[in-house]
């Protein structure tokens, strides 16, 4: 990892969170996002849609099959998935 790769560092922090969290922790994460600036809410949503789009193009096994198939279902139904403007 490059020292200046902020995206990879941020993902690693999220991955660490997910590795040990319970459903209530996830709910707290979502609830905290409600209090963030609305522009940042839109930016986060764009990031999550980029993640969905990428997930739809992955191979899968039993561990991520549902996630990949749901991501494919979303991308099949939503046009311009990652075109989320933010102000």
PDB file of N, CA and C in Angstrom:
ATOM      1  N   UNK A   1       0.837  -1.174   0.000  1.00  0.00           N
ATOM      2  CA  UNK A   1       0.000   0.000   0.000  1.00  0.00           C
ATOM      3  C   UNK A   1       0.885   1.242   0.000  1.00  0.00           C
ATOM      4  N   UNK A   2       0.548   2.194  -0.852  1.00  0.00           N
ATOM      5  CA  UNK A   2       1.267   3.456  -0.881  1.00  0.00           C
ATOM      6  C   UNK A   2       0.949   4.242   0.388  1.00  0.00           C
ATOM      7  N   UNK A   3       1.923   4.996   0.874  1.00  0.00           N
ATOM      8  CA  UNK A   3       1.717   5.777   2.090  1.00  0.00           C
ATOM      9  C   UNK A   3       0.597   6.808   1.937  1.00  0.00           C
ATOM     10  N   UNK A   4       0.354   7.271   0.716  1.00  0.00           N
ATOM     11  CA  UNK A   4      -0.631   8.332   0.516  1.00  0.00           C
ATOM     12  C   UNK A   4      -1.963   7.808  -0.024  1.00  0.00           C
ATOM     13  N   UNK A   5      -2.190   6.513   0.025  1.00  0.00           N
ATOM     14  CA  UNK A   5      -3.426   5.941  -0.502  1.00  0.00           C
ATOM     15  C   UNK A   5      -4.526   6.026   0.562  1.00  0.00           C
ATOM     16  N   UNK A   6      -5.187   7.171   0.616  1.00  0.00           N
ATOM     17  CA  UNK A   6      -6.211   7.411   1.634  1.00  0.00           C
ATOM     18  C   UNK A   6      -7.383   6.458   1.501  1.00  0.00           C
ATOM     19  N   UNK A   7      -7.762   6.140   0.262  1.00  0.00           N
ATOM     20  CA  UNK A   7      -8.889   5.238   0.050  1.00  0.00           C
ATOM     21  C   UNK A   7      -8.634   3.852   0.609  1.00  0.00           C
ATOM     22  N   UNK A   8      -7.439   3.342   0.386  1.00  0.00           N
ATOM     23  CA  UNK A   8      -7.108   2.010   0.899  1.00  0.00           C
ATOM     24  C   UNK A   8      -7.039   2.018   2.430  1.00  0.00           C
ATOM     25  N   UNK A   9      -6.471   3.067   2.992  1.00  0.00           N
ATOM     26  CA  UNK A   9      -6.416   3.168   4.456  1.00  0.00           C
ATOM     27  C   UNK A   9      -7.824   3.226   5.042  1.00  0.00           C
ATOM     28  N   UNK A  10      -8.688   4.011   4.420  1.00  0.00           N
ATOM     29  CA  UNK A  10     -10.066   4.125   4.912  1.00  0.00           C
ATOM     30  C   UNK A  10     -10.781   2.789   4.787  1.00  0.00           C
ATOM     31  N   UNK A  11     -10.572   2.094   3.667  1.00  0.00           N
ATOM     32  CA  UNK A  11     -11.219   0.791   3.516  1.00  0.00           C
ATOM     33  C   UNK A  11     -10.720  -0.189   4.580  1.00  0.00           C
ATOM     34  N   UNK A  12      -9.444  -0.162   4.858  1.00  0.00           N
ATOM     35  CA  UNK A  12      -8.903  -1.063   5.878  1.00  0.00           C
ATOM     36  C   UNK A  12      -9.522  -0.796   7.244  1.00  0.00           C
ATOM     37  N   UNK A  13      -9.769   0.472   7.557  1.00  0.00           N
ATOM     38  CA  UNK A  13     -10.446   0.795   8.818  1.00  0.00           C
ATOM     39  C   UNK A  13     -11.873   0.254   8.815  1.00  0.00           C
ATOM     40  N   UNK A  14     -12.567   0.405   7.698  1.00  0.00           N
ATOM     41  CA  UNK A  14     -13.926  -0.130   7.587  1.00  0.00           C
ATOM     42  C   UNK A  14     -13.907  -1.649   7.688  1.00  0.00           C
ATOM     43  N   UNK A  15     -12.957  -2.279   7.043  1.00  0.00           N
ATOM     44  CA  UNK A  15     -12.838  -3.733   7.096  1.00  0.00           C
ATOM     45  C   UNK A  15     -12.600  -4.214   8.525  1.00  0.00           C
ATOM     46  N   UNK A  16     -11.743  -3.505   9.259  1.00  0.00           N
ATOM     47  CA  UNK A  16     -11.507  -3.850  10.669  1.00  0.00           C
ATOM     48  C   UNK A  16     -12.797  -3.717  11.479  1.00  0.00           C
ATOM     49  N   UNK A  17     -13.552  -2.646  11.232  1.00  0.00           N
ATOM     50  CA  UNK A  17     -14.830  -2.455  11.906  1.00  0.00           C
ATOM     51  C   UNK A  17     -15.774  -3.615  11.595  1.00  0.00           C
ATOM     52  N   UNK A  18     -15.902  -3.952  10.313  1.00  0.00           N
ATOM     53  CA  UNK A  18     -16.822  -5.016   9.908  1.00  0.00           C
ATOM     54  C   UNK A  18     -16.415  -6.376  10.461  1.00  0.00           C
ATOM     55  N   UNK A  19     -15.134  -6.600  10.595  1.00  0.00           N
ATOM     56  CA  UNK A  19     -14.638  -7.892  11.066  1.00  0.00           C
ATOM     57  C   UNK A  19     -15.087  -8.198  12.490  1.00  0.00           C
ATOM     58  N   UNK A  20     -15.307  -7.171  13.294  1.00  0.00           N
ATOM     59  CA  UNK A  20     -15.666  -7.431  14.686  1.00  0.00           C
ATOM     60  C   UNK A  20     -17.019  -6.890  15.100  1.00  0.00           C
ATOM     61  N   UNK A  21     -17.770  -6.313  14.163  1.00  0.00           N
ATOM     62  CA  UNK A  21     -19.009  -5.657  14.563  1.00  0.00           C
ATOM     63  C   UNK A  21     -20.199  -6.606  14.592  1.00  0.00           C
ATOM     64  N   UNK A  22     -21.198  -6.159  15.321  1.00  0.00           N
ATOM     65  CA  UNK A  22     -22.482  -6.848  15.387  1.00  0.00           C
ATOM     66  C   UNK A  22     -23.508  -5.976  14.654  1.00  0.00           C
ATOM     67  N   UNK A  23     -24.721  -6.476  14.479  1.00  0.00           N
ATOM     68  CA  UNK A  23     -25.750  -5.732  13.750  1.00  0.00           C
ATOM     69  C   UNK A  23     -26.041  -4.383  14.406  1.00  0.00           C
ATOM     70  N   UNK A  24     -25.994  -4.314  15.740  1.00  0.00           N
ATOM     71  CA  UNK A  24     -26.232  -3.028  16.413  1.00  0.00           C
ATOM     72  C   UNK A  24     -25.139  -2.020  16.089  1.00  0.00           C
ATOM     73  N   UNK A  25     -23.913  -2.482  15.918  1.00  0.00           N
ATOM     74  CA  UNK A  25     -22.830  -1.590  15.506  1.00  0.00           C
ATOM     75  C   UNK A  25     -23.097  -1.034  14.104  1.00  0.00           C
ATOM     76  N   UNK A  26     -23.603  -1.884  13.220  1.00  0.00           N
ATOM     77  CA  UNK A  26     -23.938  -1.430  11.863  1.00  0.00           C
ATOM     78  C   UNK A  26     -25.058  -0.402  11.910  1.00  0.00           C
ATOM     79  N   UNK A  27     -26.054  -0.649  12.755  1.00  0.00           N
ATOM     80  CA  UNK A  27     -27.154   0.311  12.900  1.00  0.00           C
ATOM     81  C   UNK A  27     -26.636   1.643  13.433  1.00  0.00           C
ATOM     82  N   UNK A  28     -25.701   1.599  14.387  1.00  0.00           N
ATOM     83  CA  UNK A  28     -25.097   2.825  14.915  1.00  0.00           C
ATOM     84  C   UNK A  28     -24.335   3.574  13.822  1.00  0.00           C
ATOM     85  N   UNK A  29     -23.651   2.839  12.967  1.00  0.00           N
ATOM     86  CA  UNK A  29     -22.925   3.435  11.832  1.00  0.00           C
ATOM     87  C   UNK A  29     -23.897   4.191  10.929  1.00  0.00           C
ATOM     88  N   UNK A  30     -25.006   3.541  10.585  1.00  0.00           N
ATOM     89  CA  UNK A  30     -26.013   4.162   9.719  1.00  0.00           C
ATOM     90  C   UNK A  30     -26.627   5.373  10.410  1.00  0.00           C
ATOM     91  N   UNK A  31     -26.939   5.233  11.682  1.00  0.00           N
ATOM     92  CA  UNK A  31     -27.525   6.346  12.437  1.00  0.00           C
ATOM     93  C   UNK A  31     -26.566   7.534  12.475  1.00  0.00           C
ATOM     94  N   UNK A  32     -25.298   7.285  12.675  1.00  0.00           N
ATOM     95  CA  UNK A  32     -24.312   8.370  12.699  1.00  0.00           C
ATOM     96  C   UNK A  32     -24.280   9.113  11.361  1.00  0.00           C
ATOM     97  N   UNK A  33     -24.492   8.390  10.267  1.00  0.00           N
ATOM     98  CA  UNK A  33     -24.471   9.036   8.946  1.00  0.00           C
ATOM     99  C   UNK A  33     -25.603  10.044   8.797  1.00  0.00           C
ATOM    100  N   UNK A  34     -26.700   9.837   9.516  1.00  0.00           N
ATOM    101  CA  UNK A  34     -27.829  10.770   9.446  1.00  0.00           C
ATOM    102  C   UNK A  34     -27.450  12.154   9.983  1.00  0.00           C
ATOM    103  N   UNK A  35     -26.482  12.199  10.867  1.00  0.00           N
ATOM    104  CA  UNK A  35     -26.078  13.468  11.480  1.00  0.00           C
ATOM    105  C   UNK A  35     -24.980  14.180  10.684  1.00  0.00           C
ATOM    106  N   UNK A  36     -24.483  13.538   9.648  1.00  0.00           N
ATOM    107  CA  UNK A  36     -23.412  14.135   8.849  1.00  0.00           C
ATOM    108  C   UNK A  36     -23.988  15.193   7.900  1.00  0.00           C
ATOM    109  N   UNK A  37     -23.121  16.025   7.396  1.00  0.00           N
ATOM    110  CA  UNK A  37     -23.502  17.050   6.434  1.00  0.00           C
ATOM    111  C   UNK A  37     -24.153  16.390   5.218  1.00  0.00           C
ATOM    112  N   UNK A  38     -25.183  17.003   4.691  1.00  0.00           N
ATOM    113  CA  UNK A  38     -25.935  16.374   3.592  1.00  0.00           C
ATOM    114  C   UNK A  38     -25.095  16.173   2.335  1.00  0.00           C
ATOM    115  N   UNK A  39     -24.162  17.054   2.075  1.00  0.00           N
ATOM    116  CA  UNK A  39     -23.262  16.842   0.940  1.00  0.00           C
ATOM    117  C   UNK A  39     -22.436  15.578   1.164  1.00  0.00           C
ATOM    118  N   UNK A  40     -21.979  15.373   2.385  1.00  0.00           N
ATOM    119  CA  UNK A  40     -21.201  14.170   2.692  1.00  0.00           C
ATOM    120  C   UNK A  40     -22.076  12.926   2.667  1.00  0.00           C
ATOM    121  N   UNK A  41     -23.355  13.066   3.016  1.00  0.00           N
ATOM    122  CA  UNK A  41     -24.283  11.940   2.877  1.00  0.00           C
ATOM    123  C   UNK A  41     -24.382  11.519   1.416  1.00  0.00           C
ATOM    124  N   UNK A  42     -24.500  12.503   0.517  1.00  0.00           N
ATOM    125  CA  UNK A  42     -24.580  12.205  -0.919  1.00  0.00           C
ATOM    126  C   UNK A  42     -23.283  11.583  -1.421  1.00  0.00           C
ATOM    127  N   UNK A  43     -22.163  12.084  -0.933  1.00  0.00           N
ATOM    128  CA  UNK A  43     -20.869  11.545  -1.337  1.00  0.00           C
ATOM    129  C   UNK A  43     -20.705  10.101  -0.862  1.00  0.00           C
ATOM    130  N   UNK A  44     -21.132   9.823   0.366  1.00  0.00           N
ATOM    131  CA  UNK A  44     -21.076   8.458   0.891  1.00  0.00           C
ATOM    132  C   UNK A  44     -21.975   7.544   0.064  1.00  0.00           C
ATOM    133  N   UNK A  45     -23.157   8.026  -0.294  1.00  0.00           N
ATOM    134  CA  UNK A  45     -24.073   7.217  -1.102  1.00  0.00           C
ATOM    135  C   UNK A  45     -23.440   6.894  -2.452  1.00  0.00           C
ATOM    136  N   UNK A  46     -22.779   7.877  -3.055  1.00  0.00           N
ATOM    137  CA  UNK A  46     -22.079   7.634  -4.328  1.00  0.00           C
ATOM    138  C   UNK A  46     -21.012   6.557  -4.138  1.00  0.00           C
ATOM    139  N   UNK A  47     -20.256   6.648  -3.057  1.00  0.00           N
ATOM    140  CA  UNK A  47     -19.241   5.638  -2.769  1.00  0.00           C
ATOM    141  C   UNK A  47     -19.878   4.258  -2.641  1.00  0.00           C
ATOM    142  N   UNK A  48     -20.983   4.163  -1.917  1.00  0.00           N
ATOM    143  CA  UNK A  48     -21.645   2.873  -1.733  1.00  0.00           C
ATOM    144  C   UNK A  48     -22.183   2.342  -3.060  1.00  0.00           C
ATOM    145  N   UNK A  49     -22.677   3.218  -3.928  1.00  0.00           N
ATOM    146  CA  UNK A  49     -23.157   2.773  -5.240  1.00  0.00           C
ATOM    147  C   UNK A  49     -21.987   2.321  -6.117  1.00  0.00           C
ATOM    148  N   UNK A  50     -20.836   2.976  -6.001  1.00  0.00           N
ATOM    149  CA  UNK A  50     -19.644   2.520  -6.719  1.00  0.00           C
ATOM    150  C   UNK A  50     -19.257   1.125  -6.238  1.00  0.00           C
ATOM    151  N   UNK A  51     -19.402   0.898  -4.932  1.00  0.00           N
ATOM    152  CA  UNK A  51     -19.103  -0.412  -4.349  1.00  0.00           C
ATOM    153  C   UNK A  51     -20.089  -1.459  -4.868  1.00  0.00           C
ATOM    154  N   UNK A  52     -21.359  -1.104  -4.929  1.00  0.00           N
ATOM    155  CA  UNK A  52     -22.378  -2.028  -5.458  1.00  0.00           C
ATOM    156  C   UNK A  52     -22.050  -2.379  -6.903  1.00  0.00           C
ATOM    157  N   UNK A  53     -21.726  -1.377  -7.700  1.00  0.00           N
ATOM    158  CA  UNK A  53     -21.409  -1.601  -9.113  1.00  0.00           C
ATOM    159  C   UNK A  53     -20.199  -2.527  -9.268  1.00  0.00           C
ATOM    160  N   UNK A  54     -19.177  -2.303  -8.452  1.00  0.00           N
ATOM    161  CA  UNK A  54     -17.998  -3.161  -8.509  1.00  0.00           C
ATOM    162  C   UNK A  54     -18.320  -4.576  -8.035  1.00  0.00           C
ATOM    163  N   UNK A  55     -19.104  -4.680  -6.976  1.00  0.00           N
ATOM    164  CA  UNK A  55     -19.484  -5.992  -6.446  1.00  0.00           C
ATOM    165  C   UNK A  55     -20.237  -6.808  -7.490  1.00  0.00           C
ATOM    166  N   UNK A  56     -21.069  -6.147  -8.276  1.00  0.00           N
ATOM    167  CA  UNK A  56     -21.847  -6.838  -9.312  1.00  0.00           C
ATOM    168  C   UNK A  56     -20.957  -7.511 -10.350  1.00  0.00           C
ATOM    169  N   UNK A  57     -19.733  -7.047 -10.480  1.00  0.00           N
ATOM    170  CA  UNK A  57     -18.812  -7.588 -11.490  1.00  0.00           C
ATOM    171  C   UNK A  57     -17.814  -8.590 -10.924  1.00  0.00           C
ATOM    172  N   UNK A  58     -18.024  -9.021  -9.704  1.00  0.00           N
ATOM    173  CA  UNK A  58     -17.100  -9.965  -9.060  1.00  0.00           C
ATOM    174  C   UNK A  58     -17.561 -11.402  -9.250  1.00  0.00           C
ATOM    175  N   UNK A  59     -16.611 -12.310  -9.137  1.00  0.00           N
ATOM    176  CA  UNK A  59     -16.969 -13.723  -9.055  1.00  0.00           C
ATOM    177  C   UNK A  59     -17.404 -13.984  -7.619  1.00  0.00           C
ATOM    178  N   UNK A  60     -18.043 -15.109  -7.393  1.00  0.00           N
ATOM    179  CA  UNK A  60     -18.530 -15.373  -6.041  1.00  0.00           C
ATOM    180  C   UNK A  60     -18.462 -16.839  -5.690  1.00  0.00           C
ATOM    181  N   UNK A  61     -18.510 -17.063  -4.384  1.00  0.00           N
ATOM    182  CA  UNK A  61     -18.683 -18.396  -3.819  1.00  0.00           C
ATOM    183  C   UNK A  61     -19.762 -18.259  -2.751  1.00  0.00           C
ATOM    184  N   UNK A  62     -19.935 -19.250  -1.919  1.00  0.00           N
ATOM    185  CA  UNK A  62     -21.024 -19.232  -0.942  1.00  0.00           C
ATOM    186  C   UNK A  62     -20.931 -18.054   0.028  1.00  0.00           C
ATOM    187  N   UNK A  63     -19.717 -17.541   0.285  1.00  0.00           N
ATOM    188  CA  UNK A  63     -19.551 -16.458   1.262  1.00  0.00           C
ATOM    189  C   UNK A  63     -20.065 -15.118   0.770  1.00  0.00           C
ATOM    190  N   UNK A  64     -19.982 -14.853  -0.522  1.00  0.00           N
ATOM    191  CA  UNK A  64     -20.413 -13.547  -1.028  1.00  0.00           C
ATOM    192  C   UNK A  64     -21.460 -13.656  -2.139  1.00  0.00           C
ATOM    193  N   UNK A  65     -22.007 -14.844  -2.330  1.00  0.00           N
ATOM    194  CA  UNK A  65     -22.969 -15.058  -3.420  1.00  0.00           C
ATOM    195  C   UNK A  65     -24.173 -14.125  -3.335  1.00  0.00           C
ATOM    196  N   UNK A  66     -24.792 -14.032  -2.174  1.00  0.00           N
ATOM    197  CA  UNK A  66     -25.982 -13.192  -2.043  1.00  0.00           C
ATOM    198  C   UNK A  66     -25.636 -11.733  -2.325  1.00  0.00           C
ATOM    199  N   UNK A  67     -24.519 -11.262  -1.816  1.00  0.00           N
ATOM    200  CA  UNK A  67     -24.115  -9.872  -2.047  1.00  0.00           C
ATOM    201  C   UNK A  67     -23.920  -9.595  -3.532  1.00  0.00           C
ATOM    202  N   UNK A  68     -23.232 -10.495  -4.231  1.00  0.00           N
ATOM    203  CA  UNK A  68     -22.978 -10.295  -5.660  1.00  0.00           C
ATOM    204  C   UNK A  68     -24.282 -10.344  -6.448  1.00  0.00           C
ATOM    205  N   UNK A  69     -25.128 -11.309  -6.158  1.00  0.00           N
ATOM    206  CA  UNK A  69     -26.390 -11.429  -6.902  1.00  0.00           C
ATOM    207  C   UNK A  69     -27.322 -10.247  -6.625  1.00  0.00           C
ATOM    208  N   UNK A  70     -27.374  -9.767  -5.391  1.00  0.00           N
ATOM    209  CA  UNK A  70     -28.182  -8.576  -5.092  1.00  0.00           C
ATOM    210  C   UNK A  70     -27.600  -7.342  -5.780  1.00  0.00           C
ATOM    211  N   UNK A  71     -26.285  -7.223  -5.802  1.00  0.00           N
ATOM    212  CA  UNK A  71     -25.647  -6.108  -6.499  1.00  0.00           C
ATOM    213  C   UNK A  71     -25.974  -6.157  -7.990  1.00  0.00           C
ATOM    214  N   UNK A  72     -25.971  -7.334  -8.579  1.00  0.00           N
ATOM    215  CA  UNK A  72     -26.333  -7.468  -9.996  1.00  0.00           C
ATOM    216  C   UNK A  72     -27.781  -7.081 -10.219  1.00  0.00           C
ATOM    217  N   UNK A  73     -28.642  -7.463  -9.299  1.00  0.00           N
ATOM    218  CA  UNK A  73     -30.050  -7.111  -9.396  1.00  0.00           C
ATOM    219  C   UNK A  73     -30.226  -5.595  -9.353  1.00  0.00           C
ATOM    220  N   UNK A  74     -29.517  -4.935  -8.472  1.00  0.00           N
ATOM    221  CA  UNK A  74     -29.587  -3.474  -8.364  1.00  0.00           C
ATOM    222  C   UNK A  74     -29.079  -2.822  -9.642  1.00  0.00           C
ATOM    223  N   UNK A  75     -27.924  -3.263 -10.134  1.00  0.00           N
ATOM    224  CA  UNK A  75     -27.352  -2.625 -11.322  1.00  0.00           C
ATOM    225  C   UNK A  75     -28.207  -2.872 -12.559  1.00  0.00           C
ATOM    226  N   UNK A  76     -28.928  -3.980 -12.587  1.00  0.00           N
ATOM    227  CA  UNK A  76     -29.838  -4.247 -13.706  1.00  0.00           C
ATOM    228  C   UNK A  76     -31.046  -3.313 -13.692  1.00  0.00           C
ATOM    229  N   UNK A  77     -31.420  -2.842 -12.532  1.00  0.00           N
ATOM    230  CA  UNK A  77     -32.647  -2.053 -12.393  1.00  0.00           C
ATOM    231  C   UNK A  77     -32.429  -0.545 -12.331  1.00  0.00           C
ATOM    232  N   UNK A  78     -31.226  -0.110 -11.994  1.00  0.00           N
ATOM    233  CA  UNK A  78     -30.977   1.319 -11.789  1.00  0.00           C
ATOM    234  C   UNK A  78     -30.022   1.826 -12.861  1.00  0.00           C
ATOM    235  N   UNK A  79     -30.492   2.787 -13.642  1.00  0.00           N
ATOM    236  CA  UNK A  79     -29.638   3.417 -14.655  1.00  0.00           C
ATOM    237  C   UNK A  79     -28.698   4.418 -13.995  1.00  0.00           C
ATOM    238  N   UNK A  80     -27.535   4.581 -14.564  1.00  0.00           N
ATOM    239  CA  UNK A  80     -26.582   5.594 -14.096  1.00  0.00           C
ATOM    240  C   UNK A  80     -26.359   5.501 -12.581  1.00  0.00           C
ATOM    241  N   UNK A  81     -26.089   4.325 -12.133  1.00  0.00           N
ATOM    242  CA  UNK A  81     -26.019   4.013 -10.699  1.00  0.00           C
ATOM    243  C   UNK A  81     -25.109   4.953  -9.923  1.00  0.00           C
ATOM    244  N   UNK A  82     -23.979   5.317 -10.506  1.00  0.00           N
ATOM    245  CA  UNK A  82     -23.000   6.118  -9.756  1.00  0.00           C
ATOM    246  C   UNK A  82     -23.073   7.607 -10.084  1.00  0.00           C
ATOM    247  N   UNK A  83     -24.037   8.016 -10.867  1.00  0.00           N
ATOM    248  CA  UNK A  83     -24.160   9.440 -11.167  1.00  0.00           C
ATOM    249  C   UNK A  83     -25.012  10.105 -10.094  1.00  0.00           C
ATOM    250  N   UNK A  84     -24.360  10.398  -8.990  1.00  0.00           N
ATOM    251  CA  UNK A  84     -24.997  11.007  -7.828  1.00  0.00           C
ATOM    252  C   UNK A  84     -24.366  12.400  -7.640  1.00  0.00           C
ATOM    253  N   UNK A  85     -25.097  13.446  -7.958  1.00  0.00           N
ATOM    254  CA  UNK A  85     -24.506  14.781  -7.762  1.00  0.00           C
ATOM    255  C   UNK A  85     -24.474  15.135  -6.278  1.00  0.00           C
ATOM    256  N   UNK A  86     -23.507  15.930  -5.919  1.00  0.00           N
ATOM    257  CA  UNK A  86     -23.467  16.469  -4.568  1.00  0.00           C
ATOM    258  C   UNK A  86     -23.015  17.917  -4.638  1.00  0.00           C
ATOM    259  N   UNK A  87     -23.552  18.698  -3.734  1.00  0.00           N
ATOM    260  CA  UNK A  87     -23.326  20.155  -3.765  1.00  0.00           C
ATOM    261  C   UNK A  87     -22.546  20.556  -2.526  1.00  0.00           C
TER     262      UNK A  87
END
